[in-house]
C-alpha atoms as a PDB file:
ATOM      1  CA  MET A   1     107.175  88.457  92.163  1.00  0.00           C
ATOM      2  CA  GLY A   2     105.856  86.248  89.421  1.00  0.00           C
ATOM      3  CA  THR A   3     106.992  86.584  85.832  1.00  0.00           C
ATOM      4  CA  THR A   4     104.149  86.209  83.350  1.00  0.00           C
ATOM      5  CA  ALA A   5     105.426  87.295  79.902  1.00  0.00           C
ATOM      6  CA  THR A   6     108.003  89.134  77.833  1.00  0.00           C
ATOM      7  CA  LEU A   7     106.655  92.317  76.232  1.00  0.00           C
ATOM      8  CA  THR A   8     107.705  95.398  74.343  1.00  0.00           C
ATOM      9  CA  PHE A   9     106.795  98.793  75.755  1.00  0.00           C
ATOM     10  CA  GLU A  10     104.076  99.097  73.080  1.00  0.00           C
ATOM     11  CA  ASP A  11     102.575  95.777  74.256  1.00  0.00           C
ATOM     12  CA  TYR A  12     102.790  96.973  77.863  1.00  0.00           C
ATOM     13  CA  LYS A  13     100.858 100.151  77.034  1.00  0.00           C
ATOM     14  CA  LYS A  14      98.029  98.027  75.599  1.00  0.00           C
ATOM     15  CA  LEU A  15      97.484  96.120  78.852  1.00  0.00           C
ATOM     16  CA  PRO A  16      94.039  96.817  80.308  1.00  0.00           C
ATOM     17  CA  GLU A  17      93.802  99.282  83.159  1.00  0.00           C
ATOM     18  CA  ARG A  18      92.689  97.454  86.264  1.00  0.00           C
ATOM     19  CA  GLU A  19      92.305  97.688  90.009  1.00  0.00           C
ATOM     20  CA  GLY A  20      94.614  95.727  92.248  1.00  0.00           C
ATOM     21  CA  PRO A  21      98.294  94.878  92.117  1.00  0.00           C
ATOM     22  CA  PRO A  22     100.281  96.925  89.601  1.00  0.00           C
ATOM     23  CA  TYR A  23     102.235  95.654  86.642  1.00  0.00           C
ATOM     24  CA  GLU A  24     105.894  96.522  86.185  1.00  0.00           C
ATOM     25  CA  LEU A  25     107.999  95.997  83.075  1.00  0.00           C
ATOM     26  CA  ASP A  26     111.549  94.896  83.864  1.00  0.00           C
ATOM     27  CA  GLU A  27     113.613  95.146  80.686  1.00  0.00           C
ATOM     28  CA  GLY A  28     110.836  93.461  78.722  1.00  0.00           C
ATOM     29  CA  THR A  29     109.676  91.043  81.413  1.00  0.00           C
ATOM     30  CA  LEU A  30     106.158  91.663  82.689  1.00  0.00           C
ATOM     31  CA  LEU A  31     105.933  91.433  86.478  1.00  0.00           C
ATOM     32  CA  LEU A  32     102.793  91.357  88.578  1.00  0.00           C
ATOM     33  CA  GLU A  33     103.455  92.968  91.952  1.00  0.00           C
ATOM     34  CA  PRO A  34     101.563  91.351  94.855  1.00  0.00           C
ATOM     35  CA  SER A  35      99.248  93.508  96.933  1.00  0.00           C
ATOM     36  CA  PRO A  36     101.154  94.911  99.905  1.00  0.00           C
ATOM     37  CA  ALA A  37     100.234  94.255 103.536  1.00  0.00           C
ATOM     38  CA  LEU A  38      98.715  96.911 105.782  1.00  0.00           C
ATOM     39  CA  ARG A  39     102.067  97.758 107.465  1.00  0.00           C
ATOM     40  CA  HIS A  40     103.617  98.410 104.036  1.00  0.00           C
ATOM     41  CA  ASN A  41     100.740 100.707 103.047  1.00  0.00           C
ATOM     42  CA  LEU A  42     100.844 102.649 106.329  1.00  0.00           C
ATOM     43  CA  ILE A  43     104.596 103.209 106.014  1.00  0.00           C
ATOM     44  CA  ARG A  44     104.183 104.355 102.408  1.00  0.00           C
ATOM     45  CA  GLN A  45     101.376 106.734 103.394  1.00  0.00           C
ATOM     46  CA  ARG A  46     103.365 108.267 106.268  1.00  0.00           C
ATOM     47  CA  ILE A  47     106.312 108.942 103.970  1.00  0.00           C
ATOM     48  CA  ALA A  48     104.101 110.381 101.233  1.00  0.00           C
ATOM     49  CA  MET A  49     102.142 112.589 103.634  1.00  0.00           C
ATOM     50  CA  LYS A  50     105.197 114.202 105.247  1.00  0.00           C
ATOM     51  CA  LEU A  51     107.020 114.550 101.947  1.00  0.00           C
ATOM     52  CA  MET A  52     103.940 116.060 100.287  1.00  0.00           C
ATOM     53  CA  GLU A  53     103.514 118.630 103.095  1.00  0.00           C
ATOM     54  CA  PHE A  54     107.138 119.736 102.641  1.00  0.00           C
ATOM     55  CA  VAL A  55     107.105 119.763  98.833  1.00  0.00           C
ATOM     56  CA  ASP A  56     103.753 121.572  98.587  1.00  0.00           C
ATOM     57  CA  SER A  57     104.707 124.226 101.143  1.00  0.00           C
ATOM     58  CA  ARG A  58     107.764 125.143  99.048  1.00  0.00           C
ATOM     59  CA  ASN A  59     106.323 124.573  95.549  1.00  0.00           C
ATOM     60  CA  LEU A  60     109.093 122.085  94.748  1.00  0.00           C
ATOM     61  CA  GLY A  61     107.048 119.739  92.555  1.00  0.00           C
ATOM     62  CA  ALA A  62     104.757 116.828  93.301  1.00  0.00           C
ATOM     63  CA  VAL A  63     104.695 113.643  95.368  1.00  0.00           C
ATOM     64  CA  ALA A  64     102.961 110.566  93.977  1.00  0.00           C
ATOM     65  CA  GLU A  65     102.215 107.126  95.348  1.00  0.00           C
ATOM     66  CA  GLU A  66     102.366 104.011  93.175  1.00  0.00           C
ATOM     67  CA  THR A  67     102.747 105.848  89.870  1.00  0.00           C
ATOM     68  CA  ASP A  68     104.295 104.189  86.827  1.00  0.00           C
ATOM     69  CA  PHE A  69     107.536 105.695  85.475  1.00  0.00           C
ATOM     70  CA  ARG A  70     109.149 104.690  82.195  1.00  0.00           C
ATOM     71  CA  LEU A  71     112.827 104.281  83.006  1.00  0.00           C
ATOM     72  CA  GLY A  72     113.955 102.870  79.676  1.00  0.00           C
ATOM     73  CA  PRO A  73     112.778 101.449  76.352  1.00  0.00           C
ATOM     74  CA  ALA A  74     111.330  98.336  78.023  1.00  0.00           C
ATOM     75  CA  THR A  75     111.371  99.252  81.723  1.00  0.00           C
ATOM     76  CA  VAL A  76     108.457 100.656  83.728  1.00  0.00           C
ATOM     77  CA  ARG A  77     108.694 100.823  87.506  1.00  0.00           C
ATOM     78  CA  ASN A  78     106.145 101.763  90.136  1.00  0.00           C
ATOM     79  CA  PRO A  79     107.844 103.146  93.260  1.00  0.00           C
ATOM     80  CA  ASP A  80     105.861 103.223  96.472  1.00  0.00           C
ATOM     81  CA  VAL A  81     106.482 106.994  96.712  1.00  0.00           C
ATOM     82  CA  ALA A  82     108.043 109.354  94.185  1.00  0.00           C
ATOM     83  CA  PHE A  83     109.083 112.993  94.229  1.00  0.00           C
ATOM     84  CA  ILE A  84     108.855 114.732  90.851  1.00  0.00           C
ATOM     85  CA  THR A  85     110.538 118.119  90.441  1.00  0.00           C
ATOM     86  CA  VAL A  86     108.811 121.196  89.026  1.00  0.00           C
ATOM     87  CA  ASP A  87     111.026 121.033  85.922  1.00  0.00           C
ATOM     88  CA  HIS A  88     110.065 117.412  85.281  1.00  0.00           C
ATOM     89  CA  LEU A  89     106.373 118.216  85.785  1.00  0.00           C
ATOM     90  CA  LYS A  90     106.597 120.766  82.954  1.00  0.00           C
ATOM     91  CA  ARG A  91     107.625 118.009  80.526  1.00  0.00           C
ATOM     92  CA  ILE A  92     105.046 115.341  81.317  1.00  0.00           C
ATOM     93  CA  ASP A  93     101.474 114.637  80.291  1.00  0.00           C
ATOM     94  CA  PHE A  94      99.449 114.347  83.513  1.00  0.00           C
ATOM     95  CA  ASP A  95      96.852 112.192  81.755  1.00  0.00           C
ATOM     96  CA  CYS A  96      99.293 109.664  80.324  1.00  0.00           C
ATOM     97  CA  SER A  97     100.742 106.627  82.061  1.00  0.00           C
ATOM     98  CA  PRO A  98     103.532 105.827  82.519  1.00  0.00           C
ATOM     99  CA  VAL A  99     105.280 109.105  83.323  1.00  0.00           C
ATOM    100  CA  ASP A 100     108.214 109.489  80.955  1.00  0.00           C
ATOM    101  CA  GLY A 101     111.485 109.550  82.887  1.00  0.00           C
ATOM    102  CA  ALA A 102     112.554 108.735  86.411  1.00  0.00           C
ATOM    103  CA  PRO A 103     111.360 110.554  89.516  1.00  0.00           C
ATOM    104  CA  ALA A 104     114.013 112.670  91.218  1.00  0.00           C
ATOM    105  CA  LEU A 105     113.492 110.581  94.365  1.00  0.00           C
ATOM    106  CA  ALA A 106     112.137 107.031  94.270  1.00  0.00           C
ATOM    107  CA  ILE A 107     111.167 105.353  97.547  1.00  0.00           C
ATOM    108  CA  GLU A 108     110.589 101.627  97.929  1.00  0.00           C
ATOM    109  CA  VAL A 109     109.268  99.942 101.071  1.00  0.00           C
ATOM    110  CA  ILE A 110     110.594  96.394 101.278  1.00  0.00           C
ATOM    111  CA  SER A 111     108.124  93.597 101.968  1.00  0.00           C
ATOM    112  CA  PRO A 112     109.010  90.063 103.113  1.00  0.00           C
ATOM    113  CA  THR A 113     108.483  88.788  99.550  1.00  0.00           C
ATOM    114  CA  ASN A 114     110.997  91.199  97.952  1.00  0.00           C
ATOM    115  CA  ARG A 115     114.254  89.608  96.808  1.00  0.00           C
ATOM    116  CA  ALA A 116     117.595  91.380  97.256  1.00  0.00           C
ATOM    117  CA  GLU A 117     118.696  91.025  93.627  1.00  0.00           C
ATOM    118  CA  GLU A 118     115.399  92.458  92.353  1.00  0.00           C
ATOM    119  CA  THR A 119     115.705  95.416  94.735  1.00  0.00           C
ATOM    120  CA  ILE A 120     119.299  96.139  93.669  1.00  0.00           C
ATOM    121  CA  LYS A 121     118.246  95.943  90.020  1.00  0.00           C
ATOM    122  CA  LYS A 122     115.472  98.499  90.640  1.00  0.00           C
ATOM    123  CA  ILE A 123     117.889 100.845  92.401  1.00  0.00           C
ATOM    124  CA  HIS A 124     120.263 100.742  89.434  1.00  0.00           C
ATOM    125  CA  GLN A 125     117.370 101.249  87.007  1.00  0.00           C
ATOM    126  CA  TYR A 126     116.153 104.332  88.878  1.00  0.00           C
ATOM    127  CA  LEU A 127     119.621 105.877  89.176  1.00  0.00           C
ATOM    128  CA  GLY A 128     120.518 104.948  85.595  1.00  0.00           C
ATOM    129  CA  ALA A 129     117.352 106.649  84.335  1.00  0.00           C
ATOM    130  CA  GLY A 130     118.083 109.885  86.186  1.00  0.00           C
ATOM    131  CA  SER A 131     116.837 109.596  89.761  1.00  0.00           C
ATOM    132  CA  VAL A 132     118.996 111.682  92.080  1.00  0.00           C
ATOM    133  CA  ALA A 133     118.302 109.390  95.031  1.00  0.00           C
ATOM    134  CA  VAL A 134     116.569 106.141  95.927  1.00  0.00           C
ATOM    135  CA  TRP A 135     115.420 105.372  99.458  1.00  0.00           C
ATOM    136  CA  ILE A 136     114.941 101.738 100.412  1.00  0.00           C
ATOM    137  CA  ILE A 137     113.006 101.257 103.655  1.00  0.00           C
ATOM    138  CA  TYR A 138     113.440  97.940 105.509  1.00  0.00           C
ATOM    139  CA  PRO A 139     110.674  97.714 108.144  1.00  0.00           C
ATOM    140  CA  ALA A 140     111.715  94.276 109.427  1.00  0.00           C
ATOM    141  CA  VAL A 141     115.212  95.460 110.406  1.00  0.00           C
ATOM    142  CA  ARG A 142     114.214  99.084 111.115  1.00  0.00           C
ATOM    143  CA  LEU A 143     116.658 100.799 108.808  1.00  0.00           C
ATOM    144  CA  ALA A 144     116.836 102.569 105.471  1.00  0.00           C
ATOM    145  CA  GLU A 145     119.414 102.765 102.717  1.00  0.00           C
ATOM    146  CA  VAL A 146     119.832 105.988 100.767  1.00  0.00           C
ATOM    147  CA  TYR A 147     121.371 105.491  97.322  1.00  0.00           C
ATOM    148  CA  SER A 148     122.762 108.247  95.104  1.00  0.00           C
ATOM    149  CA  ALA A 149     125.508 108.713  92.524  1.00  0.00           C
ATOM    150  CA  THR A 150     127.960 109.189  95.402  1.00  0.00           C
ATOM    151  CA  GLY A 151     127.196 105.846  97.059  1.00  0.00           C
ATOM    152  CA  VAL A 152     124.964 104.450  99.771  1.00  0.00           C
ATOM    153  CA  ARG A 153     124.231 105.698 103.273  1.00  0.00           C
ATOM    154  CA  ILE A 154     122.627 103.586 106.009  1.00  0.00           C
ATOM    155  CA  VAL A 155     120.062 105.272 108.271  1.00  0.00           C
ATOM    156  CA  ARG A 156     119.229 103.578 111.586  1.00  0.00           C
ATOM    157  CA  GLU A 157     116.947 104.630 114.405  1.00  0.00           C
ATOM    158  CA  PRO A 158     116.943 107.224 115.918  1.00  0.00           C
ATOM    159  CA  GLU A 159     118.450 108.894 112.825  1.00  0.00           C
ATOM    160  CA  THR A 160     116.337 110.755 110.306  1.00  0.00           C
ATOM    161  CA  LEU A 161     116.088 110.461 106.557  1.00  0.00           C
ATOM    162  CA  LYS A 162     117.295 113.538 104.688  1.00  0.00           C
ATOM    163  CA  GLU A 163     117.769 114.492 101.066  1.00  0.00           C
ATOM    164  CA  PRO A 164     119.797 117.730 101.074  1.00  0.00           C
ATOM    165  CA  THR A 165     120.414 117.738  97.306  1.00  0.00           C
ATOM    166  CA  LEU A 166     116.719 117.730  96.403  1.00  0.00           C
ATOM    167  CA  LEU A 167     114.900 118.736  99.571  1.00  0.00           C
ATOM    168  CA  SER A 168     117.061 121.088 101.607  1.00  0.00           C
ATOM    169  CA  GLY A 169     115.716 121.303 105.158  1.00  0.00           C
ATOM    170  CA  PHE A 170     113.586 118.166 104.945  1.00  0.00           C
ATOM    171  CA  SER A 171     114.028 115.392 107.498  1.00  0.00           C
ATOM    172  CA  LEU A 172     111.856 112.446 108.377  1.00  0.00           C
ATOM    173  CA  SER A 173     112.098 110.336 111.507  1.00  0.00           C
ATOM    174  CA  LEU A 174     112.652 106.680 110.732  1.00  0.00           C
ATOM    175  CA  THR A 175     110.780 105.807 113.949  1.00  0.00           C
ATOM    176  CA  TYR A 176     107.745 107.815 112.770  1.00  0.00           C
ATOM    177  CA  ILE A 177     107.810 106.140 109.351  1.00  0.00           C
ATOM    178  CA  LEU A 178     107.832 102.684 110.913  1.00  0.00           C
ATOM    179  CA  ASP A 179     105.570 103.214 113.926  1.00  0.00           C
ATOM    180  CA  GLY A 180     103.489 106.318 113.341  1.00  0.00           C
ATOM    181  CA  ASN A 181     102.514 108.197 116.461  1.00  0.00           C
ATOM    182  CA  LYS A 182     102.180 105.220 118.815  1.00  0.00           C
ATOM    183  CA  GLN A 183     102.720 107.432 121.851  1.00  0.00           C
ATOM    184  CA  ASP A 184      99.849 109.685 120.754  1.00  0.00           C
ATOM    185  CA  ASP A 185      97.628 106.658 120.119  1.00  0.00           C
ATOM    186  CA  MET A 186      98.371 105.208 123.534  1.00  0.00           C
ATOM    187  CA  THR A 187      97.639 108.554 125.245  1.00  0.00           C
ATOM    188  CA  LYS A 188      94.270 108.869 123.469  1.00  0.00           C
ATOM    189  CA  ARG A 189      93.211 105.405 124.701  1.00  0.00           C
ATOM    190  CA  SER A 190      93.922 106.175 128.369  1.00  0.00           C
END
C-alpha cells in the first residue's frame, strides 16, 4: 500500500469518485489500495455469493463487496466482503458513502502485497468500531483466521468457516472458497 497524504474525514469525503482501486483512510492517512489479482476477486466473489444466499434467504440483512465503512473520525475501511445486519441497515443512508459504522462481519482476503502489521491494525479497527467478527482469508497458506471479542480461531482445510453468533447455521467450506468447484469444472471438460 502506498501512502499519499494525510487528510481529515471532511477532506476524504471531497475526493472524486472514480473507477479502479479504492481509497482507504487509516487514522488520517490516505491509502490507495492496489487492484487485486483474479484469484483474490474469485475468492471474494465466492464468499459473497454464498453469504448473500444465506443472508437473503433468512432476511438477516445485506452482504456488500468493497463498500466503504467509516470506523472512526478519520478511519474509512473497505472490506472485501461485509455483512450488515437488518438493525444497522435501518440506520444508514443507502445513497451515502461511506456507510456510518462497522459491518457486523468484515472479511478480508489477503494478497501477497498485504503487510501483517497493516492487517492486524485493520482487524483492531473493525472490532473497535463494533464488528462482531473479522475473517481473514490467507489463500497462499490455505487457512483463515476468525477474530472476535473472545479471541482468534484458526480454520484449516477441510474445516469450514462458521459464524454462530451472527449467522446461526451458516458454514462455508474453506476448500470451496479457495478453489471453487474444480471437480465440477474437470467433469464438464471430459
